[in-house]
């Protein structure tokens, strides 16, 4: 394979080599070795990213061993957990685009790299790096930090938070108790968006087997990072690019895996966005066809009371893929340079008390559903596997809020009651702007029996209960959710994929005529630009060209 730096015009090649040499790259390496970008989102703010500095060193060892020359640069990464419950959350989804753009600018802008190792963890950063790999299309591989160990059950962590909300324990009690759940740096231990997207990297073939769930503090995690550097060099040698791995068939496998693990609803934003980068479309209805037929075969929180480390111990993602192999296209290529079929033919140990067979009576279908009705003519999403059975059919009186802050204020004033259908609107991609994750609202709703939340915003992958979000069209695009009034009756029937506002057609028409769109103060900077350019959640909240 002809090296990228050799393709430069002779004078510019000499100048580029001089600049790289002045930064510490050896002249021998510049003459003979492929140059490998190490795109690292390490920082000291986000616990999922704190381990990535050390893992980058392991990746570099692998690249060097295999005959390449690694050159590292960094990009940003926010922690959704820190951004929860305040205006900062509006930046989390938009910063997915910043990360992708920054990788594109650095890698294509410099024009000297032959391959890329993307180091990422957490909710928007893994999708951003996948998008960058697709857009840039140099030989690439993904490495994450892996989930941290938990010393207590997920249910114990939830109890801790509920006690604080009831005023029974202090802030210090919450911090000290939570550190028994988040015991150290690494991805949060539950099956939120971060671990979901890590798992889907394996399902797409963009990560080494077991790479998603090796715990963050283990030697196996470091060995996997080193092996990733070695395998990246094989991809460079064979000129295998992401577009050859992340095909439509591989995307179908990822959706099947998403359903089998009961993964995060946020994948239904990120996978369509990735498909967009790859040049094809992935519709919510396409995903729903799979999730309505593929059982959830493991009860990782929020679908049960187990952590992602429990899933790793039971055999990890290779074990899940083995259990659902009849539903997969096994001829797809992976970053091992082997097909999925070849990988699944290896010896894989499976603990079937945790990773069940699809035909097991405990395995349920409809882990994720797309709901339609006059309230959501273009669709709304619910993680059915995390909804109590008694709420699968729900009728409630609407209590309407035009922001997350309004809703939280009403809760603190004890204005939200049992049986309420809490509507939080103007929190979509355009209306937020930024499409806040309303995890704090879903947490407080758990303390209010027989209630639900309906929003054009989105949820954490850890959210449970009757949480219906991503509603399209959003309020800021004059969707029907903007017409709901306090006291309206909202009916949900998951068995019929239905969400309905029970008012007459005449009343609908009357409200549309009288409707006045809520306008927030114009945002400057990033969020203002984002509001003008972002598409709907259904399209992946990608930016319009």
Protein backbone atom coordinates (compact mmCIF):
# COMPACT_ATOMS: atom_id res chain seq x y z
CA UNK A 1 0.00 0.00 0.00
CA UNK A 2 1.30 3.46 -0.87
CA UNK A 3 1.65 5.59 2.30
CA UNK A 4 -0.35 8.77 2.63
CA UNK A 5 2.73 10.93 3.14
CA UNK A 6 4.27 9.55 -0.05
CA UNK A 7 1.29 10.86 -2.02
CA UNK A 8 2.18 14.48 -1.25
CA UNK A 9 3.87 16.69 -3.85
CA UNK A 10 7.67 16.35 -3.30
CA UNK A 11 8.32 19.82 -1.88
CA UNK A 12 5.30 19.66 0.46
CA UNK A 13 6.30 16.13 1.47
CA UNK A 14 9.68 17.43 2.59
CA UNK A 15 8.12 20.33 4.50
CA UNK A 16 5.51 18.07 6.15
CA UNK A 17 8.22 15.62 7.21
CA UNK A 18 10.27 18.47 8.65
CA UNK A 19 7.34 19.65 10.78
CA UNK A 20 6.60 16.12 12.00
CA UNK A 21 10.27 15.50 12.74
CA UNK A 22 10.40 18.71 14.77
CA UNK A 23 7.50 17.32 16.84
CA UNK A 24 9.53 14.19 17.63
CA UNK A 25 8.68 11.76 14.82
CA UNK A 26 11.87 10.02 13.72
CA UNK A 27 13.12 10.57 10.20
CA UNK A 28 13.45 6.81 9.71
CA UNK A 29 9.78 6.38 10.58
CA UNK A 30 8.84 9.16 8.18
CA UNK A 31 10.70 7.39 5.40
CA UNK A 32 9.49 3.84 6.02
CA UNK A 33 6.48 3.49 8.33
CA UNK A 34 2.74 4.09 7.97
CA UNK A 35 1.66 7.04 10.13
CA UNK A 36 -1.21 6.17 12.45
CA UNK A 37 -3.41 8.82 14.04
CA UNK A 38 -4.37 8.14 17.65
CA UNK A 39 -7.56 10.19 18.00
CA UNK A 40 -8.04 10.37 21.77
CA UNK A 41 -10.90 11.98 23.71
CA UNK A 42 -9.04 11.68 27.03
CA UNK A 43 -9.68 14.29 29.72
CA UNK A 44 -9.80 14.58 33.52
CA UNK A 45 -13.45 15.70 33.67
CA UNK A 46 -15.25 12.64 32.38
CA UNK A 47 -14.71 9.44 34.45
CA UNK A 48 -15.25 7.28 31.38
CA UNK A 49 -12.36 9.04 29.67
CA UNK A 50 -9.82 9.28 32.46
CA UNK A 51 -8.34 5.82 31.62
CA UNK A 52 -7.83 6.66 27.94
CA UNK A 53 -4.43 8.32 28.43
CA UNK A 54 -2.95 5.02 29.64
CA UNK A 55 -4.84 3.01 27.04
CA UNK A 56 -3.45 5.27 24.30
CA UNK A 57 0.04 4.28 25.43
CA UNK A 58 -0.94 0.62 25.06
CA UNK A 59 -2.36 1.29 21.58
CA UNK A 60 0.90 2.96 20.58
CA UNK A 61 2.88 -0.08 21.75
CA UNK A 62 0.77 -2.26 19.48
CA UNK A 63 1.17 0.10 16.50
CA UNK A 64 4.95 0.23 17.01
CA UNK A 65 5.22 -3.55 17.38
CA UNK A 66 3.38 -4.00 14.10
CA UNK A 67 5.57 -1.55 12.19
CA UNK A 68 3.65 1.70 12.34
CA UNK A 69 4.38 5.14 13.78
CA UNK A 70 1.64 6.44 16.15
CA UNK A 71 0.93 10.16 16.42
CA UNK A 72 -1.64 11.25 19.00
CA UNK A 73 -4.03 14.18 19.13
CA UNK A 74 -6.98 14.95 21.39
CA UNK A 75 -10.57 16.08 21.03
CA UNK A 76 -13.24 17.06 23.57
CA UNK A 77 -15.61 14.83 25.55
CA UNK A 78 -18.42 15.82 27.92
CA UNK A 79 -19.75 13.73 30.79
CA UNK A 80 -23.55 13.47 30.58
CA UNK A 81 -23.73 12.62 34.28
CA UNK A 82 -22.19 15.97 35.21
CA UNK A 83 -24.30 17.84 32.66
CA UNK A 84 -27.58 16.37 33.97
CA UNK A 85 -30.35 18.55 35.30
CA UNK A 86 -29.13 21.96 34.12
CA UNK A 87 -28.66 23.99 30.93
CA UNK A 88 -25.32 22.33 30.20
CA UNK A 89 -27.13 19.23 28.97
CA UNK A 90 -28.14 21.22 25.90
CA UNK A 91 -24.54 20.92 24.69
CA UNK A 92 -24.19 17.14 24.94
CA UNK A 93 -25.84 16.07 21.67
CA UNK A 94 -24.43 19.02 19.67
CA UNK A 95 -20.92 18.16 20.83
CA UNK A 96 -21.21 14.86 18.96
CA UNK A 97 -20.90 16.91 15.76
CA UNK A 98 -17.95 18.91 17.11
CA UNK A 99 -16.01 15.72 17.82
CA UNK A 100 -16.71 14.25 14.38
CA UNK A 101 -15.81 17.53 12.68
CA UNK A 102 -12.62 17.94 14.73
CA UNK A 103 -11.43 14.45 13.78
CA UNK A 104 -12.22 15.12 10.13
CA UNK A 105 -10.36 18.45 10.23
CA UNK A 106 -7.30 17.03 11.97
CA UNK A 107 -6.96 13.81 9.98
CA UNK A 108 -7.99 14.95 6.51
CA UNK A 109 -6.62 18.43 7.07
CA UNK A 110 -3.10 17.20 7.79
CA UNK A 111 -3.37 14.60 5.03
CA UNK A 112 -0.47 12.42 6.21
CA UNK A 113 -2.19 9.54 8.04
CA UNK A 114 -2.60 5.97 6.82
CA UNK A 115 -4.96 4.73 9.55
CA UNK A 116 -6.71 5.77 12.75
CA UNK A 117 -7.28 4.34 16.21
CA UNK A 118 -10.23 6.14 17.80
CA UNK A 119 -10.19 6.14 21.62
CA UNK A 120 -13.59 7.06 23.05
CA UNK A 121 -15.97 6.36 25.88
CA UNK A 122 -19.40 7.62 26.89
CA UNK A 123 -22.65 8.59 25.34
CA UNK A 124 -22.01 10.94 22.41
CA UNK A 125 -18.31 10.37 21.96
CA UNK A 126 -18.39 6.76 20.73
CA UNK A 127 -21.07 7.65 18.13
CA UNK A 128 -19.05 10.71 17.15
CA UNK A 129 -15.94 8.61 16.57
CA UNK A 130 -17.93 6.04 14.57
CA UNK A 131 -19.27 8.89 12.44
CA UNK A 132 -15.74 10.19 11.96
CA UNK A 133 -14.48 6.73 10.96
CA UNK A 134 -17.28 6.49 8.40
CA UNK A 135 -16.73 9.99 7.03
CA UNK A 136 -12.92 9.82 6.81
CA UNK A 137 -12.85 6.16 5.67
CA UNK A 138 -9.24 5.37 6.48
CA UNK A 139 -8.52 1.96 8.07
CA UNK A 140 -9.88 2.40 11.60
CA UNK A 141 -10.60 0.65 14.88
CA UNK A 142 -12.44 1.74 18.05
CA UNK A 143 -11.10 1.40 21.62
CA UNK A 144 -13.08 2.30 24.77
CA UNK A 145 -12.24 2.33 28.49
CA UNK A 146 -14.80 -0.32 29.48
CA UNK A 147 -17.28 -0.35 32.39
CA UNK A 148 -16.19 0.23 35.98
CA UNK A 149 -16.84 -2.33 38.71
CA UNK A 150 -19.77 -1.87 41.08
CA UNK A 151 -19.63 -3.04 44.70
CA UNK A 152 -23.38 -2.66 45.19
CA UNK A 153 -26.40 -3.65 43.13
CA UNK A 154 -27.95 -1.11 40.74
CA UNK A 155 -31.13 -1.22 42.83
CA UNK A 156 -29.14 -0.14 45.89
CA UNK A 157 -27.81 2.85 43.98
CA UNK A 158 -31.35 3.80 42.93
CA UNK A 159 -32.57 3.48 46.53
CA UNK A 160 -29.81 5.86 47.57
CA UNK A 161 -31.01 8.52 45.16
CA UNK A 162 -34.63 8.10 46.13
CA UNK A 163 -33.71 8.51 49.81
CA UNK A 164 -31.96 11.77 48.98
CA UNK A 165 -34.99 13.01 47.01
CA UNK A 166 -37.14 12.24 50.06
CA UNK A 167 -34.74 14.19 52.29
CA UNK A 168 -33.72 11.13 54.31
CA UNK A 169 -29.94 11.35 53.71
CA UNK A 170 -27.36 14.07 53.13
CA UNK A 171 -25.42 15.05 50.03
CA UNK A 172 -22.29 13.46 51.54
CA UNK A 173 -24.21 10.22 52.06
CA UNK A 174 -25.15 10.21 48.36
CA UNK A 175 -21.57 10.83 47.26
CA UNK A 176 -20.05 8.17 49.50
CA UNK A 177 -22.77 5.65 48.67
CA UNK A 178 -22.52 6.32 44.94
CA UNK A 179 -18.77 5.65 45.02
CA UNK A 180 -19.67 2.07 45.88
CA UNK A 181 -21.49 1.92 42.54
CA UNK A 182 -19.06 4.02 40.49
CA UNK A 183 -15.96 2.63 42.17
CA UNK A 184 -13.45 4.34 39.91
CA UNK A 185 -12.73 5.64 36.42
CA UNK A 186 -14.45 3.89 33.55
CA UNK A 187 -17.83 3.84 31.85
CA UNK A 188 -20.86 3.82 34.17
CA UNK A 189 -21.68 0.21 35.12
CA UNK A 190 -25.22 0.13 33.72
CA UNK A 191 -26.42 -0.46 30.15
CA UNK A 192 -26.76 3.20 29.33
CA UNK A 193 -25.90 4.78 26.02
CA UNK A 194 -22.13 4.56 26.59
CA UNK A 195 -22.01 0.80 27.13
CA UNK A 196 -24.73 0.28 24.52
CA UNK A 197 -22.70 2.06 21.85
CA UNK A 198 -19.55 0.23 22.91
CA UNK A 199 -21.40 -3.06 22.48
CA UNK A 200 -22.70 -1.93 19.09
CA UNK A 201 -19.11 -1.23 17.99
CA UNK A 202 -18.53 -4.96 18.42
CA UNK A 203 -21.79 -5.74 16.64
CA UNK A 204 -20.74 -3.52 13.73
CA UNK A 205 -17.34 -5.23 13.53
CA UNK A 206 -15.42 -2.04 14.41
CA UNK A 207 -13.98 -3.31 17.70
CA UNK A 208 -12.06 -6.42 18.72
CA UNK A 209 -14.13 -9.23 20.28
CA UNK A 210 -14.80 -8.65 24.01
CA UNK A 211 -13.48 -5.09 23.61
CA UNK A 212 -16.70 -3.43 24.77
CA UNK A 213 -16.97 -4.98 28.21
CA UNK A 214 -13.51 -5.77 29.55
CA UNK A 215 -13.69 -3.89 32.89
CA UNK A 216 -11.81 -0.60 32.91
CA UNK A 217 -9.38 -1.51 35.71
CA UNK A 218 -8.15 -4.81 34.29
CA UNK A 219 -5.05 -5.94 32.46
CA UNK A 220 -7.35 -7.47 29.83
CA UNK A 221 -8.54 -3.98 28.98
CA UNK A 222 -4.94 -2.87 28.43
CA UNK A 223 -4.09 -5.99 26.41
CA UNK A 224 -7.12 -5.35 24.20
CA UNK A 225 -5.95 -1.77 23.55
CA UNK A 226 -2.51 -3.05 22.58
CA UNK A 227 -4.00 -5.72 20.31
CA UNK A 228 -6.14 -3.01 18.70
CA UNK A 229 -2.99 -1.17 17.64
CA UNK A 230 -1.64 -4.39 16.12
CA UNK A 231 -4.88 -5.15 14.29
CA UNK A 232 -5.10 -1.61 12.95
CA UNK A 233 -1.83 -2.22 11.13
CA UNK A 234 -3.31 -5.34 9.53
CA UNK A 235 -6.23 -3.22 8.31
CA UNK A 236 -3.78 -0.70 6.85
CA UNK A 237 -1.79 -3.44 5.14
CA UNK A 238 -4.93 -4.99 3.61
CA UNK A 239 -6.51 -1.59 2.88
CA UNK A 240 -9.70 -2.49 4.77
CA UNK A 241 -11.71 0.64 5.45
CA UNK A 242 -14.79 1.32 7.65
CA UNK A 243 -17.11 1.41 4.63
CA UNK A 244 -16.13 -2.20 3.92
CA UNK A 245 -16.99 -3.20 7.50
CA UNK A 246 -19.98 -1.00 8.38
CA UNK A 247 -22.24 -2.18 5.58
CA UNK A 248 -26.04 -2.28 5.62
CA UNK A 249 -25.79 -5.92 6.68
CA UNK A 250 -23.49 -5.04 9.58
CA UNK A 251 -25.89 -2.27 10.61
CA UNK A 252 -28.67 -4.85 10.65
CA UNK A 253 -26.56 -6.99 12.97
CA UNK A 254 -26.02 -4.01 15.26
CA UNK A 255 -29.78 -3.40 15.49
CA UNK A 256 -30.36 -7.07 16.30
CA UNK A 257 -27.72 -6.88 19.03
CA UNK A 258 -29.30 -3.67 20.35
CA UNK A 259 -32.58 -5.51 20.75
CA UNK A 260 -31.03 -8.60 22.33
CA UNK A 261 -29.28 -6.64 25.08
CA UNK A 262 -32.18 -4.20 25.63
CA UNK A 263 -29.92 -1.27 24.84
CA UNK A 264 -30.36 2.47 25.04
CA UNK A 265 -33.03 4.37 23.12
CA UNK A 266 -30.34 6.88 22.18
CA UNK A 267 -29.04 4.32 19.70
CA UNK A 268 -32.06 5.26 17.60
CA UNK A 269 -30.53 8.69 17.17
CA UNK A 270 -26.96 7.54 16.70
CA UNK A 271 -27.46 4.62 14.29
CA UNK A 272 -29.48 6.67 11.75
CA UNK A 273 -26.78 9.36 11.97
CA UNK A 274 -24.09 6.76 11.31
CA UNK A 275 -26.06 5.38 8.37
CA UNK A 276 -26.26 8.93 7.02
CA UNK A 277 -22.46 9.19 7.12
CA UNK A 278 -22.20 5.84 5.35
CA UNK A 279 -24.52 6.94 2.56
CA UNK A 280 -27.67 4.97 3.29
CA UNK A 281 -30.76 5.37 5.46
CA UNK A 282 -31.89 3.58 8.59
CA UNK A 283 -35.48 4.34 9.58
CA UNK A 284 -37.09 3.88 13.00
CA UNK A 285 -39.56 1.51 11.39
CA UNK A 286 -36.67 -0.62 10.11
CA UNK A 287 -35.35 -0.83 13.65
CA UNK A 288 -38.80 -1.56 15.10
CA UNK A 289 -39.23 -4.55 12.76
CA UNK A 290 -36.15 -6.08 14.36
CA UNK A 291 -36.84 -5.11 17.96
CA UNK A 292 -40.41 -6.40 17.74
CA UNK A 293 -39.11 -9.85 16.75
CA UNK A 294 -35.77 -10.20 18.59
CA UNK A 295 -36.05 -11.08 22.30
CA UNK A 296 -34.18 -9.28 25.07
CA UNK A 297 -32.03 -12.12 26.40
CA UNK A 298 -30.20 -10.50 29.33
CA UNK A 299 -31.45 -8.41 32.25
CA UNK A 300 -28.79 -5.74 32.58
CA UNK A 301 -29.95 -2.59 34.37
CA UNK A 302 -32.32 -0.86 33.57
CA UNK A 303 -33.91 -4.10 32.33
CA UNK A 304 -32.95 -5.93 35.54
CA UNK A 305 -30.55 -5.69 38.46
CA UNK A 306 -27.26 -6.76 36.87
CA UNK A 307 -24.33 -4.63 35.67
CA UNK A 308 -22.32 -4.68 32.47
CA UNK A 309 -19.47 -6.38 34.33
CA UNK A 310 -21.92 -9.22 35.05
CA UNK A 311 -22.57 -9.37 31.31
CA UNK A 312 -18.82 -9.52 30.66
CA UNK A 313 -18.37 -12.37 33.14
CA UNK A 314 -21.19 -14.27 31.44
CA UNK A 315 -19.36 -14.21 28.11
CA UNK A 316 -19.63 -10.64 26.89
CA UNK A 317 -20.85 -9.55 23.48
CA UNK A 318 -19.42 -12.60 21.66
CA UNK A 319 -21.69 -14.77 23.86
CA UNK A 320 -24.72 -12.59 23.06
CA UNK A 321 -23.92 -12.74 19.34
CA UNK A 322 -23.55 -16.52 19.59
CA UNK A 323 -27.01 -16.83 21.17
CA UNK A 324 -28.61 -14.79 18.36
CA UNK A 325 -26.40 -15.99 15.49
CA UNK A 326 -29.38 -17.34 13.54
CA UNK A 327 -30.63 -13.73 13.21
CA UNK A 328 -27.29 -12.32 12.03
CA UNK A 329 -25.59 -11.90 8.68
CA UNK A 330 -22.38 -13.77 9.46
CA UNK A 331 -20.56 -13.01 6.22
CA UNK A 332 -19.78 -9.43 7.22
CA UNK A 333 -16.16 -8.38 7.71
CA UNK A 334 -14.73 -7.28 11.07
CA UNK A 335 -11.59 -5.42 12.19
CA UNK A 336 -9.97 -8.77 12.93
CA UNK A 337 -9.90 -9.10 9.09
CA UNK A 338 -12.05 -12.22 9.58
CA UNK A 339 -15.78 -12.58 9.05
CA UNK A 340 -18.27 -12.64 11.89
CA UNK A 341 -18.88 -16.31 11.08
CA UNK A 342 -15.20 -17.10 11.66
CA UNK A 343 -15.25 -15.24 14.98
CA UNK A 344 -18.41 -17.00 16.18
CA UNK A 345 -16.95 -20.40 15.28
CA UNK A 346 -14.33 -19.92 17.99
CA UNK A 347 -14.86 -21.36 21.47
CA UNK A 348 -17.19 -18.99 23.37
CA UNK A 349 -18.17 -19.66 26.97
CA UNK A 350 -21.74 -18.63 27.85
CA UNK A 351 -23.39 -18.35 31.26
CA UNK A 352 -27.00 -18.97 30.28
CA UNK A 353 -28.30 -17.84 33.66
CA UNK A 354 -27.39 -14.32 32.49
CA UNK A 355 -27.32 -14.58 28.66
CA UNK A 356 -30.37 -16.67 27.85
CA UNK A 357 -31.32 -18.46 24.67
CA UNK A 358 -33.87 -16.62 22.54
CA UNK A 359 -36.48 -19.32 23.13
CA UNK A 360 -36.17 -19.06 26.93
CA UNK A 361 -39.53 -18.11 28.46
CA UNK A 362 -37.84 -15.23 30.29
CA UNK A 363 -36.69 -13.69 27.01
CA UNK A 364 -39.15 -11.03 25.92
CA UNK A 365 -39.68 -9.27 22.60
CA UNK A 366 -40.34 -5.55 22.05
CA UNK A 367 -37.36 -4.27 23.97
CA UNK A 368 -37.80 -1.01 22.06
CA UNK A 369 -41.00 0.20 20.38
CA UNK A 370 -41.95 3.01 18.05
CA UNK A 371 -45.35 4.46 18.98
CA UNK A 372 -47.64 6.33 16.61
CA UNK A 373 -50.88 8.25 16.96
CA UNK A 374 -52.27 11.75 16.67
CA UNK A 375 -49.79 12.92 19.30
CA UNK A 376 -46.79 11.45 17.46
CA UNK A 377 -47.61 11.16 13.74
CA UNK A 378 -43.92 10.64 12.89
CA UNK A 379 -43.23 8.41 15.88
CA UNK A 380 -42.11 8.36 19.51
CA UNK A 381 -39.83 5.88 21.29
CA UNK A 382 -40.21 3.82 24.45
CA UNK A 383 -37.91 1.24 26.03
CA UNK A 384 -40.60 -1.35 26.67
CA UNK A 385 -38.27 -3.77 28.42
CA UNK A 386 -37.91 -1.24 31.25
CA UNK A 387 -41.65 -0.41 31.55
CA UNK A 388 -43.56 -2.21 34.35
CA UNK A 389 -46.25 -4.49 32.95
CA UNK A 390 -49.01 -2.56 34.72
CA UNK A 391 -48.11 0.57 32.72
CA UNK A 392 -48.23 -1.06 29.26
CA UNK A 393 -51.73 0.37 29.00
CA UNK A 394 -51.95 3.84 30.52
CA UNK A 395 -54.48 6.66 30.54
CA UNK A 396 -53.58 9.85 32.34
CA UNK A 397 -54.41 13.51 32.73
CA UNK A 398 -51.89 15.79 31.03
CA UNK A 399 -49.74 18.11 33.09
CA UNK A 400 -47.86 20.28 30.61
CA UNK A 401 -44.47 21.97 30.95
CA UNK A 402 -42.53 23.94 28.37
CA UNK A 403 -39.13 22.94 29.76
CA UNK A 404 -37.39 20.49 32.06
CA UNK A 405 -36.86 23.28 34.58
CA UNK A 406 -40.60 24.00 34.79
CA UNK A 407 -41.30 20.32 35.41
CA UNK A 408 -38.67 20.02 38.14
CA UNK A 409 -39.99 23.14 39.86
CA UNK A 410 -43.52 21.68 39.86
CA UNK A 411 -42.23 18.45 41.37
CA UNK A 412 -40.50 20.34 44.17
CA UNK A 413 -43.80 22.11 44.86
CA UNK A 414 -45.55 18.69 44.91
CA UNK A 415 -47.77 19.64 41.97
CA UNK A 416 -47.28 16.32 40.11
CA UNK A 417 -49.54 13.51 41.28
CA UNK A 418 -50.32 9.86 40.78
CA UNK A 419 -51.93 9.19 37.40
CA UNK A 420 -50.48 12.28 35.70
CA UNK A 421 -49.23 12.15 32.12
CA UNK A 422 -46.36 14.61 32.42
CA UNK A 423 -45.68 16.37 29.12
CA UNK A 424 -42.32 18.14 28.77
CA UNK A 425 -41.99 19.90 25.42
CA UNK A 426 -39.70 22.32 23.60
CA UNK A 427 -36.78 20.07 24.55
CA UNK A 428 -36.25 18.56 21.07
CA UNK A 429 -33.14 19.08 18.93
CA UNK A 430 -34.37 22.41 17.59
CA UNK A 431 -36.55 23.52 20.50
CA UNK A 432 -34.03 22.97 23.29
CA UNK A 433 -31.97 23.66 21.39
CA UNK A 434 -29.80 20.62 21.87
CA UNK A 435 -32.31 17.92 22.91
CA UNK A 436 -31.69 17.59 26.63
CA UNK A 437 -31.58 14.18 28.24
CA UNK A 438 -34.31 14.21 30.90
CA UNK A 439 -32.86 11.54 33.16
CA UNK A 440 -33.47 13.55 36.33
CA UNK A 441 -37.16 13.84 35.44
CA UNK A 442 -37.45 10.09 34.88
CA UNK A 443 -35.84 9.54 38.29
CA UNK A 444 -38.32 11.74 40.13
CA UNK A 445 -41.24 10.18 38.24
CA UNK A 446 -40.33 6.79 39.72
CA UNK A 447 -41.47 8.14 43.08
CA UNK A 448 -44.94 8.94 41.69
CA UNK A 449 -47.03 5.77 41.12
CA UNK A 450 -49.00 5.10 37.94
CA UNK A 451 -47.55 8.06 36.06
CA UNK A 452 -45.69 8.59 32.82
CA UNK A 453 -43.60 11.13 31.00
CA UNK A 454 -44.03 12.15 27.36
CA UNK A 455 -41.48 14.45 25.74
CA UNK A 456 -39.84 15.58 22.52
CA UNK A 457 -36.60 15.45 24.49
CA UNK A 458 -34.63 12.27 25.06
CA UNK A 459 -33.66 9.95 27.89
CA UNK A 460 -30.62 8.39 29.46
CA UNK A 461 -30.04 4.78 28.52
CA UNK A 462 -30.59 4.05 32.21
CA UNK A 463 -34.12 5.44 32.23
CA UNK A 464 -37.00 3.16 33.14
CA UNK A 465 -40.73 3.41 33.79
CA UNK A 466 -43.22 4.71 31.25
CA UNK A 467 -40.83 7.14 29.59
CA UNK A 468 -41.91 8.06 26.06
CA UNK A 469 -39.57 10.43 24.25
CA UNK A 470 -37.95 11.54 20.99
CA UNK A 471 -41.49 12.49 19.90
CA UNK A 472 -41.68 13.73 16.31
CA UNK A 473 -42.43 16.26 15.08
CA UNK A 474 -41.18 18.23 18.06
CA UNK A 475 -42.99 21.22 19.55
CA UNK A 476 -40.60 23.71 17.93
CA UNK A 477 -41.64 22.31 14.55
CA UNK A 478 -45.32 22.81 15.42
CA UNK A 479 -45.88 19.14 16.24
CA UNK A 480 -49.10 18.09 18.00
CA UNK A 481 -47.28 17.93 21.35
CA UNK A 482 -47.29 21.74 21.22
CA UNK A 483 -51.13 21.69 21.29
CA UNK A 484 -51.58 19.64 24.48
CA UNK A 485 -53.24 21.46 27.38
CA UNK A 486 -53.40 20.72 31.11
CA UNK A 487 -56.16 18.22 31.83
CA UNK A 488 -56.22 16.62 28.38
CA UNK A 489 -56.47 12.84 28.47
CA UNK A 490 -53.55 10.95 26.94
CA UNK A 491 -53.89 7.25 26.21
CA UNK A 492 -50.97 4.85 25.65
CA UNK A 493 -51.30 1.21 24.61
CA UNK A 494 -47.98 -0.50 24.03
CA UNK A 495 -49.72 -3.61 22.69
CA UNK A 496 -51.00 -1.46 19.82
CA UNK A 497 -47.94 0.83 19.41
CA UNK A 498 -50.34 3.68 20.20
CA UNK A 499 -50.04 7.11 21.79
CA UNK A 500 -53.14 9.26 21.49
CA UNK A 501 -54.37 12.64 22.62
CA UNK A 502 -58.06 12.14 23.31
CA UNK A 503 -59.59 15.32 21.92
CA UNK A 504 -61.94 15.72 18.98
CA UNK A 505 -60.76 16.55 15.47
CA UNK A 506 -62.66 19.85 15.69
CA UNK A 507 -60.75 20.73 18.87
CA UNK A 508 -57.48 19.83 17.14
CA UNK A 509 -58.30 22.17 14.25
CA UNK A 510 -59.33 24.96 16.63
CA UNK A 511 -56.09 24.70 18.60
CA UNK A 512 -53.99 24.69 15.43
CA UNK A 513 -55.63 27.94 14.32
CA UNK A 514 -55.00 29.56 17.70
CA UNK A 515 -51.51 28.13 18.14
CA UNK A 516 -48.62 30.51 18.84
CA UNK A 517 -45.15 28.97 18.72
CA UNK A 518 -43.09 29.49 21.85
CA UNK A 519 -39.93 31.44 21.10
CA UNK A 520 -37.02 31.38 23.50
CA UNK A 521 -34.40 34.10 23.48
CA UNK A 522 -32.18 33.57 20.46
CA UNK A 523 -29.11 31.63 21.45
CA UNK A 524 -25.75 32.85 20.29
CA UNK A 525 -22.80 30.70 19.38
CA UNK A 526 -22.99 26.93 19.11
CA UNK A 527 -26.60 26.38 20.21
CA UNK A 528 -27.96 29.11 17.97
CA UNK A 529 -26.21 27.62 14.94
CA UNK A 530 -27.31 24.13 15.95
CA UNK A 531 -30.99 25.13 16.15
CA UNK A 532 -30.83 26.46 12.59
CA UNK A 533 -29.12 23.42 11.11
CA UNK A 534 -30.29 20.34 13.05
CA UNK A 535 -32.72 17.82 11.59
CA UNK A 536 -35.31 15.84 13.57
CA UNK A 537 -34.51 13.09 16.05
CA UNK A 538 -36.04 10.60 13.62
CA UNK A 539 -33.29 11.44 11.10
CA UNK A 540 -30.54 11.14 13.72
CA UNK A 541 -30.38 14.85 14.60
CA UNK A 542 -27.77 15.29 11.88
CA UNK A 543 -26.91 18.74 10.64
CA UNK A 544 -28.45 19.83 7.36
CA UNK A 545 -25.92 20.56 4.65
